[in-house]
Amino acid sequence: DSLNEFIYSENFIFSHEYSNLVFFIDKTKSHIDDNGMQILIIHTSENNSDQLLASKMIFGESDSVQINIGQHLRAFQADTLDTYNGFKIMYGSSNLYNYSKLYFLDNARLDIMYTK
C-alpha cells in the first residue's frame, strides 16, 4: 500500500502541525446534540488492542472534523507505534454520545505537509 511506503520512508519529515485527517459532515443526515459529541481515532495494534490516537469534540454547527495526525505519522515512522494498518473512528464515552447521529460525506482527505 502506497501510504505505508510513504509513512515508513525515512526521507520525509512530517509536520506535526499541518498534517491532518479531514472528514466532511453530511449536514442533511447528521444530528448532533446541543452538548456535542466525542469521536475517537483508534489504531489497532498488531496484537489486536486498540490504541487511542486522538479524540475530538464535534458540535452541531461543525461542517467538518479536522484531526491532527502528524505526530502519529512520525510515531509510525519511528516505530514507536505498531505497524500502520489503518485508522478507526469510534464514538467517545456514552455521556457525550447522547443519541447524536453523525454521517460523513465520501470526500474525506488526508492533508500531509512534509519536507525531504
PDB file of N, CA and C in Angstrom:
ATOM      1  N   ASP A   1       0.839  -1.169   0.000  1.00  0.00           N
ATOM      2  CA  ASP A   1       0.000   0.000   0.000  1.00  0.00           C
ATOM      3  C   ASP A   1       0.891   1.241   0.000  1.00  0.00           C
ATOM      4  N   SER A   2       0.573   2.190  -0.839  1.00  0.00           N
ATOM      5  CA  SER A   2       1.464   3.338  -1.033  1.00  0.00           C
ATOM      6  C   SER A   2       1.519   4.254   0.196  1.00  0.00           C
ATOM      7  N   LEU A   3       0.440   4.320   1.005  1.00  0.00           N
ATOM      8  CA  LEU A   3       0.503   5.136   2.212  1.00  0.00           C
ATOM      9  C   LEU A   3       1.505   4.544   3.193  1.00  0.00           C
ATOM     10  N   ASN A   4       1.538   3.229   3.325  1.00  0.00           N
ATOM     11  CA  ASN A   4       2.540   2.582   4.182  1.00  0.00           C
ATOM     12  C   ASN A   4       3.949   2.922   3.732  1.00  0.00           C
ATOM     13  N   GLU A   5       4.207   2.812   2.431  1.00  0.00           N
ATOM     14  CA  GLU A   5       5.534   3.127   1.896  1.00  0.00           C
ATOM     15  C   GLU A   5       5.902   4.577   2.182  1.00  0.00           C
ATOM     16  N   PHE A   6       4.928   5.468   2.022  1.00  0.00           N
ATOM     17  CA  PHE A   6       5.160   6.885   2.267  1.00  0.00           C
ATOM     18  C   PHE A   6       5.478   7.144   3.742  1.00  0.00           C
ATOM     19  N   ILE A   7       4.671   6.554   4.635  1.00  0.00           N
ATOM     20  CA  ILE A   7       4.865   6.766   6.073  1.00  0.00           C
ATOM     21  C   ILE A   7       6.231   6.261   6.518  1.00  0.00           C
ATOM     22  N   TYR A   8       6.624   5.090   6.030  1.00  0.00           N
ATOM     23  CA  TYR A   8       7.851   4.471   6.529  1.00  0.00           C
ATOM     24  C   TYR A   8       9.107   4.911   5.788  1.00  0.00           C
ATOM     25  N   SER A   9       8.959   5.795   4.833  1.00  0.00           N
ATOM     26  CA  SER A   9      10.132   6.324   4.157  1.00  0.00           C
ATOM     27  C   SER A   9      10.903   7.226   5.114  1.00  0.00           C
ATOM     28  N   GLU A  10      12.164   6.989   5.241  1.00  0.00           N
ATOM     29  CA  GLU A  10      12.987   7.821   6.133  1.00  0.00           C
ATOM     30  C   GLU A  10      13.397   9.130   5.477  1.00  0.00           C
ATOM     31  N   ASN A  11      12.951   9.335   4.232  1.00  0.00           N
ATOM     32  CA  ASN A  11      13.305  10.546   3.510  1.00  0.00           C
ATOM     33  C   ASN A  11      12.396  11.724   3.838  1.00  0.00           C
ATOM     34  N   PHE A  12      11.312  11.479   4.576  1.00  0.00           N
ATOM     35  CA  PHE A  12      10.336  12.529   4.833  1.00  0.00           C
ATOM     36  C   PHE A  12      10.267  12.864   6.317  1.00  0.00           C
ATOM     37  N   ILE A  13      10.113  14.154   6.596  1.00  0.00           N
ATOM     38  CA  ILE A  13       9.877  14.631   7.950  1.00  0.00           C
ATOM     39  C   ILE A  13       8.483  15.253   7.939  1.00  0.00           C
ATOM     40  N   PHE A  14       7.570  14.668   8.722  1.00  0.00           N
ATOM     41  CA  PHE A  14       6.181  15.121   8.728  1.00  0.00           C
ATOM     42  C   PHE A  14       5.993  16.304   9.669  1.00  0.00           C
ATOM     43  N   SER A  15       5.188  17.261   9.219  1.00  0.00           N
ATOM     44  CA  SER A  15       4.822  18.393  10.076  1.00  0.00           C
ATOM     45  C   SER A  15       3.771  17.919  11.070  1.00  0.00           C
ATOM     46  N   HIS A  16       4.033  18.116  12.346  1.00  0.00           N
ATOM     47  CA  HIS A  16       3.037  17.722  13.342  1.00  0.00           C
ATOM     48  C   HIS A  16       1.884  18.715  13.416  1.00  0.00           C
ATOM     49  N   GLU A  17       2.094  19.928  12.941  1.00  0.00           N
ATOM     50  CA  GLU A  17       1.054  20.958  12.990  1.00  0.00           C
ATOM     51  C   GLU A  17       0.137  20.953  11.776  1.00  0.00           C
ATOM     52  N   TYR A  18       0.671  20.607  10.619  1.00  0.00           N
ATOM     53  CA  TYR A  18      -0.080  20.781   9.375  1.00  0.00           C
ATOM     54  C   TYR A  18      -0.409  19.478   8.666  1.00  0.00           C
ATOM     55  N   SER A  19      -0.362  18.362   9.365  1.00  0.00           N
ATOM     56  CA  SER A  19      -0.770  17.085   8.789  1.00  0.00           C
ATOM     57  C   SER A  19      -2.065  16.671   9.476  1.00  0.00           C
ATOM     58  N   ASN A  20      -3.137  16.614   8.698  1.00  0.00           N
ATOM     59  CA  ASN A  20      -4.464  16.422   9.273  1.00  0.00           C
ATOM     60  C   ASN A  20      -5.292  15.411   8.497  1.00  0.00           C
ATOM     61  N   LEU A  21      -6.133  14.720   9.219  1.00  0.00           N
ATOM     62  CA  LEU A  21      -7.160  13.868   8.658  1.00  0.00           C
ATOM     63  C   LEU A  21      -8.428  14.707   8.686  1.00  0.00           C
ATOM     64  N   VAL A  22      -9.085  14.879   7.536  1.00  0.00           N
ATOM     65  CA  VAL A  22     -10.231  15.781   7.439  1.00  0.00           C
ATOM     66  C   VAL A  22     -11.444  15.009   6.930  1.00  0.00           C
ATOM     67  N   PHE A  23     -12.531  15.076   7.696  1.00  0.00           N
ATOM     68  CA  PHE A  23     -13.799  14.467   7.315  1.00  0.00           C
ATOM     69  C   PHE A  23     -14.833  15.568   7.202  1.00  0.00           C
ATOM     70  N   PHE A  24     -15.686  15.468   6.176  1.00  0.00           N
ATOM     71  CA  PHE A  24     -16.750  16.446   5.998  1.00  0.00           C
ATOM     72  C   PHE A  24     -18.066  15.823   6.451  1.00  0.00           C
ATOM     73  N   ILE A  25     -18.808  16.557   7.249  1.00  0.00           N
ATOM     74  CA  ILE A  25     -20.048  16.058   7.840  1.00  0.00           C
ATOM     75  C   ILE A  25     -21.203  16.231   6.858  1.00  0.00           C
ATOM     76  N   ASP A  26     -22.001  15.182   6.711  1.00  0.00           N
ATOM     77  CA  ASP A  26     -23.221  15.254   5.913  1.00  0.00           C
ATOM     78  C   ASP A  26     -24.277  15.936   6.782  1.00  0.00           C
ATOM     79  N   LYS A  27     -24.467  17.216   6.574  1.00  0.00           N
ATOM     80  CA  LYS A  27     -25.360  18.019   7.413  1.00  0.00           C
ATOM     81  C   LYS A  27     -26.830  17.648   7.229  1.00  0.00           C
ATOM     82  N   THR A  28     -27.188  17.030   6.085  1.00  0.00           N
ATOM     83  CA  THR A  28     -28.585  16.671   5.864  1.00  0.00           C
ATOM     84  C   THR A  28     -28.984  15.420   6.649  1.00  0.00           C
ATOM     85  N   LYS A  29     -28.044  14.523   6.944  1.00  0.00           N
ATOM     86  CA  LYS A  29     -28.345  13.284   7.660  1.00  0.00           C
ATOM     87  C   LYS A  29     -27.956  13.332   9.132  1.00  0.00           C
ATOM     88  N   SER A  30     -26.993  14.167   9.478  1.00  0.00           N
ATOM     89  CA  SER A  30     -26.455  14.187  10.839  1.00  0.00           C
ATOM     90  C   SER A  30     -27.330  15.009  11.776  1.00  0.00           C
ATOM     91  N   HIS A  31     -27.364  14.598  13.019  1.00  0.00           N
ATOM     92  CA  HIS A  31     -27.979  15.383  14.087  1.00  0.00           C
ATOM     93  C   HIS A  31     -27.064  15.264  15.297  1.00  0.00           C
ATOM     94  N   ILE A  32     -26.475  16.372  15.673  1.00  0.00           N
ATOM     95  CA  ILE A  32     -25.554  16.379  16.805  1.00  0.00           C
ATOM     96  C   ILE A  32     -26.197  17.153  17.937  1.00  0.00           C
ATOM     97  N   ASP A  33     -26.277  16.517  19.086  1.00  0.00           N
ATOM     98  CA  ASP A  33     -26.887  17.107  20.270  1.00  0.00           C
ATOM     99  C   ASP A  33     -26.246  18.451  20.597  1.00  0.00           C
ATOM    100  N   ASP A  34     -27.006  19.312  21.261  1.00  0.00           N
ATOM    101  CA  ASP A  34     -26.508  20.644  21.638  1.00  0.00           C
ATOM    102  C   ASP A  34     -25.254  20.586  22.501  1.00  0.00           C
ATOM    103  N   ASN A  35     -25.095  19.509  23.264  1.00  0.00           N
ATOM    104  CA  ASN A  35     -23.905  19.350  24.107  1.00  0.00           C
ATOM    105  C   ASN A  35     -22.717  18.803  23.337  1.00  0.00           C
ATOM    106  N   GLY A  36     -22.912  18.506  22.074  1.00  0.00           N
ATOM    107  CA  GLY A  36     -21.837  17.971  21.245  1.00  0.00           C
ATOM    108  C   GLY A  36     -21.685  16.476  21.428  1.00  0.00           C
ATOM    109  N   MET A  37     -20.739  15.931  20.703  1.00  0.00           N
ATOM    110  CA  MET A  37     -20.406  14.518  20.821  1.00  0.00           C
ATOM    111  C   MET A  37     -18.912  14.353  20.632  1.00  0.00           C
ATOM    112  N   GLN A  38     -18.400  13.244  21.090  1.00  0.00           N
ATOM    113  CA  GLN A  38     -16.963  12.996  21.016  1.00  0.00           C
ATOM    114  C   GLN A  38     -16.718  11.825  20.074  1.00  0.00           C
ATOM    115  N   ILE A  39     -15.734  11.984  19.186  1.00  0.00           N
ATOM    116  CA  ILE A  39     -15.288  10.850  18.387  1.00  0.00           C
ATOM    117  C   ILE A  39     -13.825  10.564  18.719  1.00  0.00           C
ATOM    118  N   LEU A  40     -13.451   9.327  18.497  1.00  0.00           N
ATOM    119  CA  LEU A  40     -12.096   8.872  18.781  1.00  0.00           C
ATOM    120  C   LEU A  40     -11.469   8.330  17.518  1.00  0.00           C
ATOM    121  N   ILE A  41     -10.193   8.585  17.327  1.00  0.00           N
ATOM    122  CA  ILE A  41      -9.432   7.962  16.240  1.00  0.00           C
ATOM    123  C   ILE A  41      -8.583   6.886  16.895  1.00  0.00           C
ATOM    124  N   ILE A  42      -8.770   5.669  16.431  1.00  0.00           N
ATOM    125  CA  ILE A  42      -8.154   4.490  17.040  1.00  0.00           C
ATOM    126  C   ILE A  42      -7.260   3.796  16.024  1.00  0.00           C
ATOM    127  N   HIS A  43      -6.160   3.285  16.507  1.00  0.00           N
ATOM    128  CA  HIS A  43      -5.288   2.416  15.710  1.00  0.00           C
ATOM    129  C   HIS A  43      -5.289   1.057  16.390  1.00  0.00           C
ATOM    130  N   THR A  44      -5.531  -0.003  15.624  1.00  0.00           N
ATOM    131  CA  THR A  44      -5.485  -1.344  16.201  1.00  0.00           C
ATOM    132  C   THR A  44      -4.084  -1.891  16.028  1.00  0.00           C
ATOM    133  N   SER A  45      -3.459  -2.244  17.144  1.00  0.00           N
ATOM    134  CA  SER A  45      -2.080  -2.717  17.118  1.00  0.00           C
ATOM    135  C   SER A  45      -2.008  -4.136  16.555  1.00  0.00           C
ATOM    136  N   GLU A  46      -0.797  -4.611  16.378  1.00  0.00           N
ATOM    137  CA  GLU A  46      -0.592  -5.950  15.815  1.00  0.00           C
ATOM    138  C   GLU A  46      -1.151  -7.041  16.726  1.00  0.00           C
ATOM    139  N   ASN A  47      -1.273  -6.779  18.025  1.00  0.00           N
ATOM    140  CA  ASN A  47      -1.844  -7.774  18.940  1.00  0.00           C
ATOM    141  C   ASN A  47      -3.335  -7.526  19.180  1.00  0.00           C
ATOM    142  N   ASN A  48      -3.970  -6.789  18.276  1.00  0.00           N
ATOM    143  CA  ASN A  48      -5.415  -6.504  18.271  1.00  0.00           C
ATOM    144  C   ASN A  48      -5.909  -5.674  19.447  1.00  0.00           C
ATOM    145  N   SER A  49      -5.056  -4.905  20.067  1.00  0.00           N
ATOM    146  CA  SER A  49      -5.536  -3.982  21.091  1.00  0.00           C
ATOM    147  C   SER A  49      -5.663  -2.591  20.469  1.00  0.00           C
ATOM    148  N   ASP A  50      -6.707  -1.893  20.876  1.00  0.00           N
ATOM    149  CA  ASP A  50      -6.955  -0.559  20.337  1.00  0.00           C
ATOM    150  C   ASP A  50      -6.124   0.479  21.076  1.00  0.00           C
ATOM    151  N   GLN A  51      -5.483   1.358  20.297  1.00  0.00           N
ATOM    152  CA  GLN A  51      -4.693   2.456  20.852  1.00  0.00           C
ATOM    153  C   GLN A  51      -5.369   3.766  20.463  1.00  0.00           C
ATOM    154  N   LEU A  52      -5.676   4.584  21.440  1.00  0.00           N
ATOM    155  CA  LEU A  52      -6.283   5.880  21.183  1.00  0.00           C
ATOM    156  C   LEU A  52      -5.219   6.826  20.633  1.00  0.00           C
ATOM    157  N   LEU A  53      -5.479   7.385  19.463  1.00  0.00           N
ATOM    158  CA  LEU A  53      -4.550   8.350  18.876  1.00  0.00           C
ATOM    159  C   LEU A  53      -5.024   9.782  19.092  1.00  0.00           C
ATOM    160  N   ALA A  54      -6.338   9.989  19.016  1.00  0.00           N
ATOM    161  CA  ALA A  54      -6.864  11.346  19.155  1.00  0.00           C
ATOM    162  C   ALA A  54      -8.339  11.289  19.518  1.00  0.00           C
ATOM    163  N   SER A  55      -8.798  12.338  20.158  1.00  0.00           N
ATOM    164  CA  SER A  55     -10.229  12.491  20.399  1.00  0.00           C
ATOM    165  C   SER A  55     -10.619  13.907  19.993  1.00  0.00           C
ATOM    166  N   LYS A  56     -11.857  14.059  19.608  1.00  0.00           N
ATOM    167  CA  LYS A  56     -12.303  15.356  19.109  1.00  0.00           C
ATOM    168  C   LYS A  56     -13.764  15.557  19.472  1.00  0.00           C
ATOM    169  N   MET A  57     -14.066  16.722  19.983  1.00  0.00           N
ATOM    170  CA  MET A  57     -15.460  17.099  20.232  1.00  0.00           C
ATOM    171  C   MET A  57     -16.032  17.711  18.964  1.00  0.00           C
ATOM    172  N   ILE A  58     -17.263  17.348  18.659  1.00  0.00           N
ATOM    173  CA  ILE A  58     -17.953  17.874  17.482  1.00  0.00           C
ATOM    174  C   ILE A  58     -19.255  18.506  17.955  1.00  0.00           C
ATOM    175  N   PHE A  59     -19.586  19.642  17.391  1.00  0.00           N
ATOM    176  CA  PHE A  59     -20.807  20.353  17.750  1.00  0.00           C
ATOM    177  C   PHE A  59     -21.673  20.538  16.506  1.00  0.00           C
ATOM    178  N   GLY A  60     -22.943  20.847  16.715  1.00  0.00           N
ATOM    179  CA  GLY A  60     -23.921  20.924  15.637  1.00  0.00           C
ATOM    180  C   GLY A  60     -23.574  21.877  14.514  1.00  0.00           C
ATOM    181  N   GLU A  61     -22.869  22.942  14.825  1.00  0.00           N
ATOM    182  CA  GLU A  61     -22.538  23.914  13.769  1.00  0.00           C
ATOM    183  C   GLU A  61     -21.331  23.486  12.927  1.00  0.00           C
ATOM    184  N   SER A  62     -20.679  22.400  13.315  1.00  0.00           N
ATOM    185  CA  SER A  62     -19.489  21.927  12.585  1.00  0.00           C
ATOM    186  C   SER A  62     -19.881  21.387  11.215  1.00  0.00           C
ATOM    187  N   ASP A  63     -19.098  21.728  10.207  1.00  0.00           N
ATOM    188  CA  ASP A  63     -19.324  21.137   8.885  1.00  0.00           C
ATOM    189  C   ASP A  63     -18.209  20.170   8.509  1.00  0.00           C
ATOM    190  N   SER A  64     -17.170  20.128   9.329  1.00  0.00           N
ATOM    191  CA  SER A  64     -16.076  19.189   9.087  1.00  0.00           C
ATOM    192  C   SER A  64     -15.382  18.876  10.405  1.00  0.00           C
ATOM    193  N   VAL A  65     -14.601  17.824  10.364  1.00  0.00           N
ATOM    194  CA  VAL A  65     -13.808  17.414  11.515  1.00  0.00           C
ATOM    195  C   VAL A  65     -12.366  17.331  11.046  1.00  0.00           C
ATOM    196  N   GLN A  66     -11.500  18.050  11.694  1.00  0.00           N
ATOM    197  CA  GLN A  66     -10.080  18.031  11.357  1.00  0.00           C
ATOM    198  C   GLN A  66      -9.306  17.492  12.547  1.00  0.00           C
ATOM    199  N   ILE A  67      -8.569  16.420  12.310  1.00  0.00           N
ATOM    200  CA  ILE A  67      -7.829  15.774  13.384  1.00  0.00           C
ATOM    201  C   ILE A  67      -6.355  15.787  13.044  1.00  0.00           C
ATOM    202  N   ASN A  68      -5.567  16.371  13.935  1.00  0.00           N
ATOM    203  CA  ASN A  68      -4.133  16.461  13.739  1.00  0.00           C
ATOM    204  C   ASN A  68      -3.507  15.071  13.889  1.00  0.00           C
ATOM    205  N   ILE A  69      -2.812  14.601  12.849  1.00  0.00           N
ATOM    206  CA  ILE A  69      -2.209  13.265  12.914  1.00  0.00           C
ATOM    207  C   ILE A  69      -0.714  13.267  12.611  1.00  0.00           C
ATOM    208  N   GLY A  70      -0.126  14.428  12.466  1.00  0.00           N
ATOM    209  CA  GLY A  70       1.297  14.497  12.147  1.00  0.00           C
ATOM    210  C   GLY A  70       2.178  13.774  13.142  1.00  0.00           C
ATOM    211  N   GLN A  71       1.902  13.961  14.435  1.00  0.00           N
ATOM    212  CA  GLN A  71       2.718  13.293  15.455  1.00  0.00           C
ATOM    213  C   GLN A  71       2.563  11.782  15.385  1.00  0.00           C
ATOM    214  N   HIS A  72       1.385  11.305  14.973  1.00  0.00           N
ATOM    215  CA  HIS A  72       1.173   9.858  14.860  1.00  0.00           C
ATOM    216  C   HIS A  72       1.890   9.292  13.638  1.00  0.00           C
ATOM    217  N   LEU A  73       1.917  10.061  12.558  1.00  0.00           N
ATOM    218  CA  LEU A  73       2.682   9.626  11.390  1.00  0.00           C
ATOM    219  C   LEU A  73       4.159   9.518  11.747  1.00  0.00           C
ATOM    220  N   ARG A  74       4.654  10.488  12.510  1.00  0.00           N
ATOM    221  CA  ARG A  74       6.045  10.431  12.972  1.00  0.00           C
ATOM    222  C   ARG A  74       6.283   9.209  13.855  1.00  0.00           C
ATOM    223  N   ALA A  75       5.308   8.895  14.716  1.00  0.00           N
ATOM    224  CA  ALA A  75       5.445   7.742  15.610  1.00  0.00           C
ATOM    225  C   ALA A  75       5.472   6.423  14.831  1.00  0.00           C
ATOM    226  N   PHE A  76       4.640   6.317  13.788  1.00  0.00           N
ATOM    227  CA  PHE A  76       4.691   5.125  12.934  1.00  0.00           C
ATOM    228  C   PHE A  76       6.062   5.027  12.266  1.00  0.00           C
ATOM    229  N   GLN A  77       6.527   6.147  11.763  1.00  0.00           N
ATOM    230  CA  GLN A  77       7.809   6.189  11.069  1.00  0.00           C
ATOM    231  C   GLN A  77       8.958   5.805  11.994  1.00  0.00           C
ATOM    232  N   ALA A  78       8.892   6.210  13.258  1.00  0.00           N
ATOM    233  CA  ALA A  78       9.961   5.935  14.217  1.00  0.00           C
ATOM    234  C   ALA A  78       9.786   4.591  14.928  1.00  0.00           C
ATOM    235  N   ASP A  79       8.740   3.854  14.564  1.00  0.00           N
ATOM    236  CA  ASP A  79       8.432   2.552  15.176  1.00  0.00           C
ATOM    237  C   ASP A  79       8.107   2.646  16.660  1.00  0.00           C
ATOM    238  N   THR A  80       7.609   3.795  17.117  1.00  0.00           N
ATOM    239  CA  THR A  80       7.138   3.879  18.498  1.00  0.00           C
ATOM    240  C   THR A  80       5.660   3.502  18.592  1.00  0.00           C
ATOM    241  N   LEU A  81       4.993   3.370  17.450  1.00  0.00           N
ATOM    242  CA  LEU A  81       3.657   2.783  17.348  1.00  0.00           C
ATOM    243  C   LEU A  81       3.785   1.548  16.474  1.00  0.00           C
ATOM    244  N   ASP A  82       2.941   0.553  16.739  1.00  0.00           N
ATOM    245  CA  ASP A  82       2.952  -0.656  15.903  1.00  0.00           C
ATOM    246  C   ASP A  82       2.756  -0.302  14.438  1.00  0.00           C
ATOM    247  N   THR A  83       2.959  -1.254  13.595  1.00  0.00           N
ATOM    248  CA  THR A  83       2.827  -1.086  12.154  1.00  0.00           C
ATOM    249  C   THR A  83       1.488  -0.450  11.792  1.00  0.00           C
ATOM    250  N   TYR A  84       1.536   0.538  10.908  1.00  0.00           N
ATOM    251  CA  TYR A  84       0.321   1.208  10.465  1.00  0.00           C
ATOM    252  C   TYR A  84      -0.549   0.215   9.705  1.00  0.00           C
ATOM    253  N   ASN A  85      -1.803   0.085  10.116  1.00  0.00           N
ATOM    254  CA  ASN A  85      -2.758  -0.742   9.366  1.00  0.00           C
ATOM    255  C   ASN A  85      -4.124  -0.077   9.310  1.00  0.00           C
ATOM    256  N   GLY A  86      -4.131   1.222   9.299  1.00  0.00           N
ATOM    257  CA  GLY A  86      -5.368   1.980   9.159  1.00  0.00           C
ATOM    258  C   GLY A  86      -5.814   2.605  10.468  1.00  0.00           C
ATOM    259  N   PHE A  87      -6.833   3.453  10.348  1.00  0.00           N
ATOM    260  CA  PHE A  87      -7.434   4.122  11.488  1.00  0.00           C
ATOM    261  C   PHE A  87      -8.895   3.711  11.585  1.00  0.00           C
ATOM    262  N   LYS A  88      -9.436   3.737  12.792  1.00  0.00           N
ATOM    263  CA  LYS A  88     -10.864   3.520  13.002  1.00  0.00           C
ATOM    264  C   LYS A  88     -11.422   4.764  13.681  1.00  0.00           C
ATOM    265  N   ILE A  89     -12.668   5.081  13.356  1.00  0.00           N
ATOM    266  CA  ILE A  89     -13.373   6.170  14.023  1.00  0.00           C
ATOM    267  C   ILE A  89     -14.428   5.528  14.915  1.00  0.00           C
ATOM    268  N   MET A  90     -14.447   5.934  16.174  1.00  0.00           N
ATOM    269  CA  MET A  90     -15.419   5.401  17.125  1.00  0.00           C
ATOM    270  C   MET A  90     -16.051   6.554  17.892  1.00  0.00           C
ATOM    271  N   TYR A  91     -17.235   6.299  18.441  1.00  0.00           N
ATOM    272  CA  TYR A  91     -17.863   7.282  19.316  1.00  0.00           C
ATOM    273  C   TYR A  91     -17.129   7.294  20.637  1.00  0.00           C
ATOM    274  N   GLY A  92     -17.103   8.442  21.263  1.00  0.00           N
ATOM    275  CA  GLY A  92     -16.468   8.564  22.568  1.00  0.00           C
ATOM    276  C   GLY A  92     -17.342   8.020  23.677  1.00  0.00           C
ATOM    277  N   SER A  93     -17.115   8.486  24.860  1.00  0.00           N
ATOM    278  CA  SER A  93     -17.833   7.977  26.030  1.00  0.00           C
ATOM    279  C   SER A  93     -19.340   8.186  25.884  1.00  0.00           C
ATOM    280  N   SER A  94     -20.105   7.325  26.507  1.00  0.00           N
ATOM    281  CA  SER A  94     -21.554   7.322  26.324  1.00  0.00           C
ATOM    282  C   SER A  94     -22.216   8.625  26.762  1.00  0.00           C
ATOM    283  N   ASN A  95     -21.687   9.287  27.762  1.00  0.00           N
ATOM    284  CA  ASN A  95     -22.322  10.531  28.196  1.00  0.00           C
ATOM    285  C   ASN A  95     -22.119  11.665  27.193  1.00  0.00           C
ATOM    286  N   LEU A  96     -21.184  11.531  26.273  1.00  0.00           N
ATOM    287  CA  LEU A  96     -21.014  12.543  25.217  1.00  0.00           C
ATOM    288  C   LEU A  96     -21.577  12.084  23.879  1.00  0.00           C
ATOM    289  N   TYR A  97     -22.070  10.854  23.828  1.00  0.00           N
ATOM    290  CA  TYR A  97     -22.694  10.370  22.597  1.00  0.00           C
ATOM    291  C   TYR A  97     -24.123  10.878  22.523  1.00  0.00           C
ATOM    292  N   ASN A  98     -24.858  10.775  23.590  1.00  0.00           N
ATOM    293  CA  ASN A  98     -26.185  11.345  23.806  1.00  0.00           C
ATOM    294  C   ASN A  98     -27.121  11.317  22.593  1.00  0.00           C
ATOM    295  N   TYR A  99     -27.181  10.219  21.922  1.00  0.00           N
ATOM    296  CA  TYR A  99     -28.122   9.977  20.809  1.00  0.00           C
ATOM    297  C   TYR A  99     -27.852  10.830  19.582  1.00  0.00           C
ATOM    298  N   SER A 100     -26.693  11.378  19.467  1.00  0.00           N
ATOM    299  CA  SER A 100     -26.332  12.110  18.259  1.00  0.00           C
ATOM    300  C   SER A 100     -26.167  11.132  17.104  1.00  0.00           C
ATOM    301  N   LYS A 101     -26.399  11.622  15.905  1.00  0.00           N
ATOM    302  CA  LYS A 101     -26.164  10.834  14.693  1.00  0.00           C
ATOM    303  C   LYS A 101     -25.152  11.595  13.856  1.00  0.00           C
ATOM    304  N   LEU A 102     -24.115  10.908  13.444  1.00  0.00           N
ATOM    305  CA  LEU A 102     -23.047  11.561  12.684  1.00  0.00           C
ATOM    306  C   LEU A 102     -22.792  10.777  11.408  1.00  0.00           C
ATOM    307  N   TYR A 103     -22.903  11.457  10.280  1.00  0.00           N
ATOM    308  CA  TYR A 103     -22.622  10.856   8.977  1.00  0.00           C
ATOM    309  C   TYR A 103     -21.579  11.708   8.274  1.00  0.00           C
ATOM    310  N   PHE A 104     -20.639  11.027   7.645  1.00  0.00           N
ATOM    311  CA  PHE A 104     -19.612  11.729   6.879  1.00  0.00           C
ATOM    312  C   PHE A 104     -19.888  11.603   5.391  1.00  0.00           C
ATOM    313  N   LEU A 105     -19.498  12.627   4.646  1.00  0.00           N
ATOM    314  CA  LEU A 105     -19.541  12.557   3.182  1.00  0.00           C
ATOM    315  C   LEU A 105     -18.393  11.688   2.697  1.00  0.00           C
ATOM    316  N   ASP A 106     -18.419  11.312   1.440  1.00  0.00           N
ATOM    317  CA  ASP A 106     -17.403  10.413   0.878  1.00  0.00           C
ATOM    318  C   ASP A 106     -16.144  11.120   0.406  1.00  0.00           C
ATOM    319  N   ASN A 107     -15.930  12.353   0.818  1.00  0.00           N
ATOM    320  CA  ASN A 107     -14.779  13.112   0.324  1.00  0.00           C
ATOM    321  C   ASN A 107     -13.747  13.410   1.403  1.00  0.00           C
ATOM    322  N   ALA A 108     -13.552  12.456   2.316  1.00  0.00           N
ATOM    323  CA  ALA A 108     -12.526  12.644   3.351  1.00  0.00           C
ATOM    324  C   ALA A 108     -11.155  12.770   2.695  1.00  0.00           C
ATOM    325  N   ARG A 109     -10.247  13.424   3.383  1.00  0.00           N
ATOM    326  CA  ARG A 109      -8.907  13.588   2.806  1.00  0.00           C
ATOM    327  C   ARG A 109      -7.856  13.557   3.902  1.00  0.00           C
ATOM    328  N   LEU A 110      -6.661  13.294   3.480  1.00  0.00           N
ATOM    329  CA  LEU A 110      -5.501  13.293   4.358  1.00  0.00           C
ATOM    330  C   LEU A 110      -4.577  14.390   3.849  1.00  0.00           C
ATOM    331  N   ASP A 111      -4.422  15.448   4.631  1.00  0.00           N
ATOM    332  CA  ASP A 111      -3.517  16.546   4.295  1.00  0.00           C
ATOM    333  C   ASP A 111      -2.205  16.289   5.007  1.00  0.00           C
ATOM    334  N   ILE A 112      -1.149  16.131   4.250  1.00  0.00           N
ATOM    335  CA  ILE A 112       0.160  15.872   4.857  1.00  0.00           C
ATOM    336  C   ILE A 112       1.139  16.925   4.372  1.00  0.00           C
ATOM    337  N   MET A 113       1.756  17.625   5.315  1.00  0.00           N
ATOM    338  CA  MET A 113       2.839  18.534   4.976  1.00  0.00           C
ATOM    339  C   MET A 113       4.131  17.897   5.466  1.00  0.00           C
ATOM    340  N   TYR A 114       5.101  17.866   4.590  1.00  0.00           N
ATOM    341  CA  TYR A 114       6.363  17.203   4.931  1.00  0.00           C
ATOM    342  C   TYR A 114       7.511  17.884   4.205  1.00  0.00           C
ATOM    343  N   THR A 115       8.708  17.594   4.650  1.00  0.00           N
ATOM    344  CA  THR A 115       9.920  18.019   3.957  1.00  0.00           C
ATOM    345  C   THR A 115      10.764  16.789   3.690  1.00  0.00           C
ATOM    346  N   LYS A 116      11.607  16.898   2.707  1.00  0.00           N
ATOM    347  CA  LYS A 116      12.520  15.781   2.380  1.00  0.00           C
ATOM    348  C   LYS A 116      13.833  15.972   3.086  1.00  0.00           C
TER     349      LYS A 116
END
